[in-house]
Amino acid sequence: MRAAVVTGGSRGIGRAVVERLVGDGATVVFSYTADERAAEEVVASLGGRATAVRADAADVEQVERLFARADEVFAAAGAGPLSALVNNAGVIAHAPIEEVTPQVYDRVMAVNARGAYFALRAAARRMADGGRIVNISTTGTAWPSPGESVYAASKAALEQLTRVASRELGRRGITVNCVSPGATDTDLLRAGASPEVLATVAHMTALGRVGTPADIAAVVALLLGPDAGWLTGQNLCADGGLV
């Protein structure tokens, strides 16, 4: 795995994935939507060994520009064609079904399902044989919570896309898998959960803690590595035994 694109790589799990892949020697291009400062911090922390590209996952033209820019970066670095995609960009909306607006529904679906779909399409068109694709889902599809109807539905669509894409791309030796994180210690989680709730969730896991972004990045790296070539169409729950 020499040339990787990570969508949504400026914060949280996405940032940890970018850091892990660069540490493993990959040339990485990652997208971000709005937080330019966070993206610049990632690039600076890695000594410029990753490239940030502003691209809203909901906009197909911006997704295409992301991959076109990645082609340029990989060629300049002598990294060869795209060899890995991590579809991480996502948004969450919490609301009961009777309060979900069409605007909220459309935004969540546009980023989490539609955006991931067309990123996968862009990757499939240029990826070298034997490449790797990992989609980031959620344990919320197996253990749904009230208020997560749109989010869970969008990620369920992503999981089915994973299964179909694994069948379509398998003849080229390309694997397509999902990683479904459980409760993971990110800014997003802490903004939506009190310390008491986090302590309760930690107690419910088999390992007695919530996950870290680095935990999830390690599972992603496993699926991107040479030893995972016989794993495809799978959904790995990286949740410390919560579900």
C-alpha atoms as a PDB file:
ATOM      1  CA  MET A   1       0.000   0.000   0.000  1.00  0.00           C
ATOM      2  CA  ARG A   2       1.860   3.024  -1.321  1.00  0.00           C
ATOM      3  CA  ALA A   3      -0.717   5.601  -2.427  1.00  0.00           C
ATOM      4  CA  ALA A   4      -3.816   6.211  -0.302  1.00  0.00           C
ATOM      5  CA  VAL A   5      -6.780   8.583  -0.268  1.00  0.00           C
ATOM      6  CA  VAL A   6      -8.607   9.169   3.021  1.00  0.00           C
ATOM      7  CA  THR A   7     -11.838  11.146   3.012  1.00  0.00           C
ATOM      8  CA  GLY A   8     -12.503  13.237   6.093  1.00  0.00           C
ATOM      9  CA  GLY A   9      -8.942  13.058   7.354  1.00  0.00           C
ATOM     10  CA  SER A  10      -8.504  16.234   9.372  1.00  0.00           C
ATOM     11  CA  ARG A  11      -9.957  15.144  12.721  1.00  0.00           C
ATOM     12  CA  GLY A  12     -10.812  12.182  14.911  1.00  0.00           C
ATOM     13  CA  ILE A  13     -10.677   8.735  13.349  1.00  0.00           C
ATOM     14  CA  GLY A  14      -9.787  10.105   9.932  1.00  0.00           C
ATOM     15  CA  ARG A  15      -6.762  11.950  11.274  1.00  0.00           C
ATOM     16  CA  ALA A  16      -5.576   8.840  13.113  1.00  0.00           C
ATOM     17  CA  VAL A  17      -5.888   6.847   9.888  1.00  0.00           C
ATOM     18  CA  VAL A  18      -3.848   9.428   7.960  1.00  0.00           C
ATOM     19  CA  GLU A  19      -1.173   9.409  10.656  1.00  0.00           C
ATOM     20  CA  ARG A  20      -1.029   5.619  10.736  1.00  0.00           C
ATOM     21  CA  LEU A  21      -0.752   5.271   6.956  1.00  0.00           C
ATOM     22  CA  VAL A  22       1.962   7.895   6.692  1.00  0.00           C
ATOM     23  CA  GLY A  23       3.786   6.138   9.522  1.00  0.00           C
ATOM     24  CA  ASP A  24       3.531   2.924   7.527  1.00  0.00           C
ATOM     25  CA  GLY A  25       5.222   4.623   4.588  1.00  0.00           C
ATOM     26  CA  ALA A  26       2.293   5.560   2.355  1.00  0.00           C
ATOM     27  CA  THR A  27       1.856   8.746   0.380  1.00  0.00           C
ATOM     28  CA  VAL A  28      -1.504  10.041   1.603  1.00  0.00           C
ATOM     29  CA  VAL A  29      -3.962  12.574   0.226  1.00  0.00           C
ATOM     30  CA  PHE A  30      -6.865  13.387   2.512  1.00  0.00           C
ATOM     31  CA  SER A  31      -9.950  15.536   2.205  1.00  0.00           C
ATOM     32  CA  TYR A  32     -11.560  17.954   4.598  1.00  0.00           C
ATOM     33  CA  THR A  33     -14.747  19.986   4.275  1.00  0.00           C
ATOM     34  CA  ALA A  34     -14.314  23.258   6.142  1.00  0.00           C
ATOM     35  CA  ASP A  35     -11.784  23.148   8.978  1.00  0.00           C
ATOM     36  CA  GLU A  36      -8.699  24.322   7.119  1.00  0.00           C
ATOM     37  CA  ARG A  37      -6.752  24.927  10.323  1.00  0.00           C
ATOM     38  CA  ALA A  38      -7.228  21.334  11.461  1.00  0.00           C
ATOM     39  CA  ALA A  39      -6.164  20.065   8.037  1.00  0.00           C
ATOM     40  CA  GLU A  40      -3.048  22.238   8.092  1.00  0.00           C
ATOM     41  CA  GLU A  41      -2.205  20.941  11.560  1.00  0.00           C
ATOM     42  CA  VAL A  42      -2.296  17.364  10.279  1.00  0.00           C
ATOM     43  CA  VAL A  43      -0.025  18.205   7.355  1.00  0.00           C
ATOM     44  CA  ALA A  44       2.408  20.097   9.605  1.00  0.00           C
ATOM     45  CA  SER A  45       2.482  17.353  12.232  1.00  0.00           C
ATOM     46  CA  LEU A  46       3.485  14.850   9.551  1.00  0.00           C
ATOM     47  CA  GLY A  47       6.213  17.026   8.122  1.00  0.00           C
ATOM     48  CA  GLY A  48       4.349  17.578   4.871  1.00  0.00           C
ATOM     49  CA  ARG A  49       4.169  13.867   4.100  1.00  0.00           C
ATOM     50  CA  ALA A  50       0.397  14.100   3.647  1.00  0.00           C
ATOM     51  CA  THR A  51      -1.547  16.424   1.355  1.00  0.00           C
ATOM     52  CA  ALA A  52      -4.839  18.064   2.306  1.00  0.00           C
ATOM     53  CA  VAL A  53      -7.523  18.836  -0.283  1.00  0.00           C
ATOM     54  CA  ARG A  54     -10.725  20.726   0.476  1.00  0.00           C
ATOM     55  CA  ALA A  55     -13.586  18.619  -0.874  1.00  0.00           C
ATOM     56  CA  ASP A  56     -17.159  18.231   0.334  1.00  0.00           C
ATOM     57  CA  ALA A  57     -18.052  14.551   0.084  1.00  0.00           C
ATOM     58  CA  ALA A  58     -21.617  15.481  -0.843  1.00  0.00           C
ATOM     59  CA  ASP A  59     -20.463  17.181  -4.054  1.00  0.00           C
ATOM     60  CA  VAL A  60     -19.529  14.687  -6.772  1.00  0.00           C
ATOM     61  CA  GLU A  61     -17.491  17.245  -8.709  1.00  0.00           C
ATOM     62  CA  GLN A  62     -15.427  18.020  -5.619  1.00  0.00           C
ATOM     63  CA  VAL A  63     -14.895  14.308  -5.030  1.00  0.00           C
ATOM     64  CA  GLU A  64     -13.619  13.943  -8.585  1.00  0.00           C
ATOM     65  CA  ARG A  65     -11.252  16.895  -8.075  1.00  0.00           C
ATOM     66  CA  LEU A  66      -9.953  15.236  -4.909  1.00  0.00           C
ATOM     67  CA  PHE A  67      -8.955  12.135  -6.846  1.00  0.00           C
ATOM     68  CA  ALA A  68      -7.543  14.148  -9.736  1.00  0.00           C
ATOM     69  CA  ARG A  69      -5.336  16.019  -7.270  1.00  0.00           C
ATOM     70  CA  ALA A  70      -4.349  12.713  -5.662  1.00  0.00           C
ATOM     71  CA  ASP A  71      -3.247  11.420  -9.075  1.00  0.00           C
ATOM     72  CA  GLU A  72      -0.919  14.422  -9.372  1.00  0.00           C
ATOM     73  CA  VAL A  73       0.502  13.976  -5.872  1.00  0.00           C
ATOM     74  CA  PHE A  74       1.126  10.264  -6.345  1.00  0.00           C
ATOM     75  CA  ALA A  75       2.813  10.811  -9.707  1.00  0.00           C
ATOM     76  CA  ALA A  76       5.083  13.524  -8.299  1.00  0.00           C
ATOM     77  CA  ALA A  77       6.030  11.298  -5.358  1.00  0.00           C
ATOM     78  CA  GLY A  78       6.661   8.262  -7.546  1.00  0.00           C
ATOM     79  CA  ALA A  79       4.083   6.367  -5.503  1.00  0.00           C
ATOM     80  CA  GLY A  80       2.388   4.752  -8.477  1.00  0.00           C
ATOM     81  CA  PRO A  81      -1.375   4.570  -9.023  1.00  0.00           C
ATOM     82  CA  LEU A  82      -3.903   4.687  -6.214  1.00  0.00           C
ATOM     83  CA  SER A  83      -3.648   1.573  -4.072  1.00  0.00           C
ATOM     84  CA  ALA A  84      -5.961   2.315  -1.119  1.00  0.00           C
ATOM     85  CA  LEU A  85      -9.109   4.264  -0.274  1.00  0.00           C
ATOM     86  CA  VAL A  86     -10.496   4.849   3.199  1.00  0.00           C
ATOM     87  CA  ASN A  87     -14.038   6.236   3.034  1.00  0.00           C
ATOM     88  CA  ASN A  88     -14.236   7.996   6.384  1.00  0.00           C
ATOM     89  CA  ALA A  89     -16.041  11.303   5.739  1.00  0.00           C
ATOM     90  CA  GLY A  90     -19.347  11.389   7.567  1.00  0.00           C
ATOM     91  CA  VAL A  91     -21.854  13.540   9.393  1.00  0.00           C
ATOM     92  CA  ILE A  92     -24.250  12.748  12.235  1.00  0.00           C
ATOM     93  CA  ALA A  93     -27.690  14.143  12.949  1.00  0.00           C
ATOM     94  CA  HIS A  94     -29.563  13.318  16.154  1.00  0.00           C
ATOM     95  CA  ALA A  95     -33.330  13.772  16.025  1.00  0.00           C
ATOM     96  CA  PRO A  96     -36.435  11.660  16.475  1.00  0.00           C
ATOM     97  CA  ILE A  97     -38.014  10.533  13.219  1.00  0.00           C
ATOM     98  CA  GLU A  98     -40.950  12.904  13.537  1.00  0.00           C
ATOM     99  CA  GLU A  99     -38.557  15.867  13.722  1.00  0.00           C
ATOM    100  CA  VAL A 100     -36.195  14.985  10.862  1.00  0.00           C
ATOM    101  CA  THR A 101     -36.467  17.511   8.044  1.00  0.00           C
ATOM    102  CA  PRO A 102     -35.870  16.746   4.369  1.00  0.00           C
ATOM    103  CA  GLN A 103     -32.805  19.011   4.545  1.00  0.00           C
ATOM    104  CA  VAL A 104     -31.270  17.005   7.396  1.00  0.00           C
ATOM    105  CA  TYR A 105     -32.100  13.715   5.696  1.00  0.00           C
ATOM    106  CA  ASP A 106     -30.612  14.830   2.388  1.00  0.00           C
ATOM    107  CA  ARG A 107     -27.386  16.141   3.955  1.00  0.00           C
ATOM    108  CA  VAL A 108     -26.658  12.995   5.961  1.00  0.00           C
ATOM    109  CA  MET A 109     -27.430  10.715   3.029  1.00  0.00           C
ATOM    110  CA  ALA A 110     -25.467  12.919   0.630  1.00  0.00           C
ATOM    111  CA  VAL A 111     -22.280  12.692   2.687  1.00  0.00           C
ATOM    112  CA  ASN A 112     -22.471   9.244   4.256  1.00  0.00           C
ATOM    113  CA  ALA A 113     -23.994   7.206   1.431  1.00  0.00           C
ATOM    114  CA  ARG A 114     -23.857   9.153  -1.835  1.00  0.00           C
ATOM    115  CA  GLY A 115     -20.456  10.694  -1.158  1.00  0.00           C
ATOM    116  CA  ALA A 116     -18.906   7.375  -0.207  1.00  0.00           C
ATOM    117  CA  TYR A 117     -20.456   5.742  -3.273  1.00  0.00           C
ATOM    118  CA  PHE A 118     -18.905   8.179  -5.709  1.00  0.00           C
ATOM    119  CA  ALA A 119     -15.571   8.185  -3.907  1.00  0.00           C
ATOM    120  CA  LEU A 120     -15.552   4.416  -4.313  1.00  0.00           C
ATOM    121  CA  ARG A 121     -16.462   4.834  -7.985  1.00  0.00           C
ATOM    122  CA  ALA A 122     -13.598   7.288  -8.516  1.00  0.00           C
ATOM    123  CA  ALA A 123     -11.214   4.915  -6.765  1.00  0.00           C
ATOM    124  CA  ALA A 124     -12.367   1.854  -8.698  1.00  0.00           C
ATOM    125  CA  ARG A 125     -11.716   3.611 -12.002  1.00  0.00           C
ATOM    126  CA  ARG A 126      -8.054   4.265 -11.230  1.00  0.00           C
ATOM    127  CA  MET A 127      -7.022   1.752  -8.560  1.00  0.00           C
ATOM    128  CA  ALA A 128      -4.289  -0.741  -9.295  1.00  0.00           C
ATOM    129  CA  ASP A 129      -5.136  -4.438  -9.192  1.00  0.00           C
ATOM    130  CA  GLY A 130      -4.713  -5.779  -5.674  1.00  0.00           C
ATOM    131  CA  GLY A 131      -5.838  -2.511  -4.108  1.00  0.00           C
ATOM    132  CA  ARG A 132      -7.712  -2.045  -0.858  1.00  0.00           C
ATOM    133  CA  ILE A 133     -10.897  -0.155   0.028  1.00  0.00           C
ATOM    134  CA  VAL A 134     -12.148   0.317   3.587  1.00  0.00           C
ATOM    135  CA  ASN A 135     -15.454   2.012   4.392  1.00  0.00           C
ATOM    136  CA  ILE A 136     -16.053   3.377   7.891  1.00  0.00           C
ATOM    137  CA  SER A 137     -19.505   2.481   9.196  1.00  0.00           C
ATOM    138  CA  THR A 138     -20.767   2.257  12.793  1.00  0.00           C
ATOM    139  CA  THR A 139     -21.943  -0.308  15.310  1.00  0.00           C
ATOM    140  CA  GLY A 140     -25.118   1.799  15.319  1.00  0.00           C
ATOM    141  CA  THR A 141     -26.390  -0.303  12.422  1.00  0.00           C
ATOM    142  CA  ALA A 142     -26.320  -3.376  14.676  1.00  0.00           C
ATOM    143  CA  TRP A 143     -27.200  -1.642  17.934  1.00  0.00           C
ATOM    144  CA  PRO A 144     -29.261   1.403  16.917  1.00  0.00           C
ATOM    145  CA  SER A 145     -30.108   4.197  19.323  1.00  0.00           C
ATOM    146  CA  PRO A 146     -33.137   6.497  19.328  1.00  0.00           C
ATOM    147  CA  GLY A 147     -32.523   9.623  17.293  1.00  0.00           C
ATOM    148  CA  GLU A 148     -30.101   7.967  14.866  1.00  0.00           C
ATOM    149  CA  SER A 149     -32.540   6.867  12.176  1.00  0.00           C
ATOM    150  CA  VAL A 150     -30.993   8.781   9.287  1.00  0.00           C
ATOM    151  CA  TYR A 151     -27.412   8.176  10.388  1.00  0.00           C
ATOM    152  CA  ALA A 152     -27.947   4.442  10.854  1.00  0.00           C
ATOM    153  CA  ALA A 153     -29.767   4.179   7.520  1.00  0.00           C
ATOM    154  CA  SER A 154     -26.964   5.977   5.692  1.00  0.00           C
ATOM    155  CA  LYS A 155     -24.338   3.685   7.174  1.00  0.00           C
ATOM    156  CA  ALA A 156     -26.442   0.595   6.461  1.00  0.00           C
ATOM    157  CA  ALA A 157     -26.414   1.666   2.815  1.00  0.00           C
ATOM    158  CA  LEU A 158     -22.633   1.924   3.006  1.00  0.00           C
ATOM    159  CA  GLU A 159     -22.387  -1.594   4.396  1.00  0.00           C
ATOM    160  CA  GLN A 160     -24.431  -2.987   1.497  1.00  0.00           C
ATOM    161  CA  LEU A 161     -22.296  -1.030  -0.962  1.00  0.00           C
ATOM    162  CA  THR A 162     -19.281  -2.745   0.587  1.00  0.00           C
ATOM    163  CA  ARG A 163     -20.712  -6.181  -0.087  1.00  0.00           C
ATOM    164  CA  VAL A 164     -21.656  -5.449  -3.695  1.00  0.00           C
ATOM    165  CA  ALA A 165     -18.387  -3.667  -4.472  1.00  0.00           C
ATOM    166  CA  SER A 166     -16.409  -6.595  -3.084  1.00  0.00           C
ATOM    167  CA  ARG A 167     -18.116  -8.818  -5.668  1.00  0.00           C
ATOM    168  CA  GLU A 168     -17.579  -6.398  -8.547  1.00  0.00           C
ATOM    169  CA  LEU A 169     -13.937  -5.614  -7.807  1.00  0.00           C
ATOM    170  CA  GLY A 170     -12.801  -8.972  -6.500  1.00  0.00           C
ATOM    171  CA  ARG A 171     -11.723 -10.261  -9.914  1.00  0.00           C
ATOM    172  CA  ARG A 172      -9.085  -7.546  -9.908  1.00  0.00           C
ATOM    173  CA  GLY A 173      -7.814  -8.638  -6.512  1.00  0.00           C
ATOM    174  CA  ILE A 174      -9.270  -5.504  -4.909  1.00  0.00           C
ATOM    175  CA  THR A 175     -10.735  -6.077  -1.453  1.00  0.00           C
ATOM    176  CA  VAL A 176     -13.588  -3.983  -0.066  1.00  0.00           C
ATOM    177  CA  ASN A 177     -14.371  -4.128   3.641  1.00  0.00           C
ATOM    178  CA  CYS A 178     -16.089  -2.163   6.400  1.00  0.00           C
ATOM    179  CA  VAL A 179     -14.886  -1.167   9.832  1.00  0.00           C
ATOM    180  CA  SER A 180     -17.653  -0.350  12.305  1.00  0.00           C
ATOM    181  CA  PRO A 181     -16.312   1.578  15.293  1.00  0.00           C
ATOM    182  CA  GLY A 182     -18.100   1.533  18.604  1.00  0.00           C
ATOM    183  CA  ALA A 183     -17.868   4.429  21.057  1.00  0.00           C
ATOM    184  CA  THR A 184     -14.600   6.159  20.175  1.00  0.00           C
ATOM    185  CA  ASP A 185     -13.015   8.995  22.140  1.00  0.00           C
ATOM    186  CA  THR A 186     -13.260  11.876  19.686  1.00  0.00           C
ATOM    187  CA  ASP A 187     -14.295  15.511  20.028  1.00  0.00           C
ATOM    188  CA  LEU A 188     -17.593  14.562  18.415  1.00  0.00           C
ATOM    189  CA  LEU A 189     -18.318  11.897  21.013  1.00  0.00           C
ATOM    190  CA  ARG A 190     -17.395  14.112  23.945  1.00  0.00           C
ATOM    191  CA  ALA A 191     -19.577  16.923  22.591  1.00  0.00           C
ATOM    192  CA  GLY A 192     -22.604  14.650  22.573  1.00  0.00           C
ATOM    193  CA  ALA A 193     -22.057  12.512  25.688  1.00  0.00           C
ATOM    194  CA  SER A 194     -21.538  13.415  29.322  1.00  0.00           C
ATOM    195  CA  PRO A 195     -18.657  11.936  31.340  1.00  0.00           C
ATOM    196  CA  GLU A 196     -21.230   9.753  33.119  1.00  0.00           C
ATOM    197  CA  VAL A 197     -22.493   8.332  29.823  1.00  0.00           C
ATOM    198  CA  LEU A 198     -18.949   7.682  28.648  1.00  0.00           C
ATOM    199  CA  ALA A 199     -18.169   5.856  31.880  1.00  0.00           C
ATOM    200  CA  THR A 200     -21.280   3.720  31.459  1.00  0.00           C
ATOM    201  CA  VAL A 201     -20.390   2.801  27.894  1.00  0.00           C
ATOM    202  CA  ALA A 202     -16.821   1.979  28.906  1.00  0.00           C
ATOM    203  CA  HIS A 203     -18.152  -0.371  31.573  1.00  0.00           C
ATOM    204  CA  MET A 204     -20.317  -2.134  28.969  1.00  0.00           C
ATOM    205  CA  THR A 205     -17.386  -3.065  26.734  1.00  0.00           C
ATOM    206  CA  ALA A 206     -15.507  -6.316  27.243  1.00  0.00           C
ATOM    207  CA  LEU A 207     -12.248  -4.376  27.563  1.00  0.00           C
ATOM    208  CA  GLY A 208     -13.581  -1.833  30.044  1.00  0.00           C
ATOM    209  CA  ARG A 209     -12.937   1.353  28.074  1.00  0.00           C
ATOM    210  CA  VAL A 210     -14.053   3.333  25.050  1.00  0.00           C
ATOM    211  CA  GLY A 211     -11.945   3.142  21.936  1.00  0.00           C
ATOM    212  CA  THR A 212      -9.399   5.627  20.676  1.00  0.00           C
ATOM    213  CA  PRO A 213      -8.973   6.851  17.103  1.00  0.00           C
ATOM    214  CA  ALA A 214      -5.667   4.976  17.021  1.00  0.00           C
ATOM    215  CA  ASP A 215      -7.522   1.741  17.859  1.00  0.00           C
ATOM    216  CA  ILE A 216      -9.687   2.169  14.775  1.00  0.00           C
ATOM    217  CA  ALA A 217      -6.753   3.212  12.608  1.00  0.00           C
ATOM    218  CA  ALA A 218      -4.970  -0.010  13.561  1.00  0.00           C
ATOM    219  CA  VAL A 219      -7.899  -2.111  12.321  1.00  0.00           C
ATOM    220  CA  VAL A 220      -8.029  -0.096   9.104  1.00  0.00           C
ATOM    221  CA  ALA A 221      -4.289  -0.609   8.609  1.00  0.00           C
ATOM    222  CA  LEU A 222      -4.770  -4.346   9.106  1.00  0.00           C
ATOM    223  CA  LEU A 223      -7.337  -4.459   6.293  1.00  0.00           C
ATOM    224  CA  LEU A 224      -5.109  -2.391   4.034  1.00  0.00           C
ATOM    225  CA  GLY A 225      -2.107  -4.636   4.577  1.00  0.00           C
ATOM    226  CA  PRO A 226      -0.869  -7.644   2.624  1.00  0.00           C
ATOM    227  CA  ASP A 227      -2.053 -10.164   5.206  1.00  0.00           C
ATOM    228  CA  ALA A 228      -5.725  -9.227   4.670  1.00  0.00           C
ATOM    229  CA  GLY A 229      -5.852 -10.241   1.032  1.00  0.00           C
ATOM    230  CA  TRP A 230      -8.330 -13.058   1.736  1.00  0.00           C
ATOM    231  CA  LEU A 231     -10.755 -10.803   3.618  1.00  0.00           C
ATOM    232  CA  THR A 232     -13.347  -9.019   1.510  1.00  0.00           C
ATOM    233  CA  GLY A 233     -17.007  -8.067   1.806  1.00  0.00           C
ATOM    234  CA  GLN A 234     -16.673  -8.134   5.606  1.00  0.00           C
ATOM    235  CA  ASN A 235     -17.753  -5.748   8.357  1.00  0.00           C
ATOM    236  CA  LEU A 236     -15.345  -5.741  11.302  1.00  0.00           C
ATOM    237  CA  CYS A 237     -16.791  -4.362  14.533  1.00  0.00           C
ATOM    238  CA  ALA A 238     -14.016  -2.459  16.261  1.00  0.00           C
ATOM    239  CA  ASP A 239     -15.824  -1.790  19.526  1.00  0.00           C
ATOM    240  CA  GLY A 240     -13.902  -3.504  22.328  1.00  0.00           C
ATOM    241  CA  GLY A 241     -16.621  -6.134  22.597  1.00  0.00           C
ATOM    242  CA  LEU A 242     -19.529  -3.726  23.044  1.00  0.00           C
ATOM    243  CA  VAL A 243     -21.902  -5.347  20.541  1.00  0.00           C
END
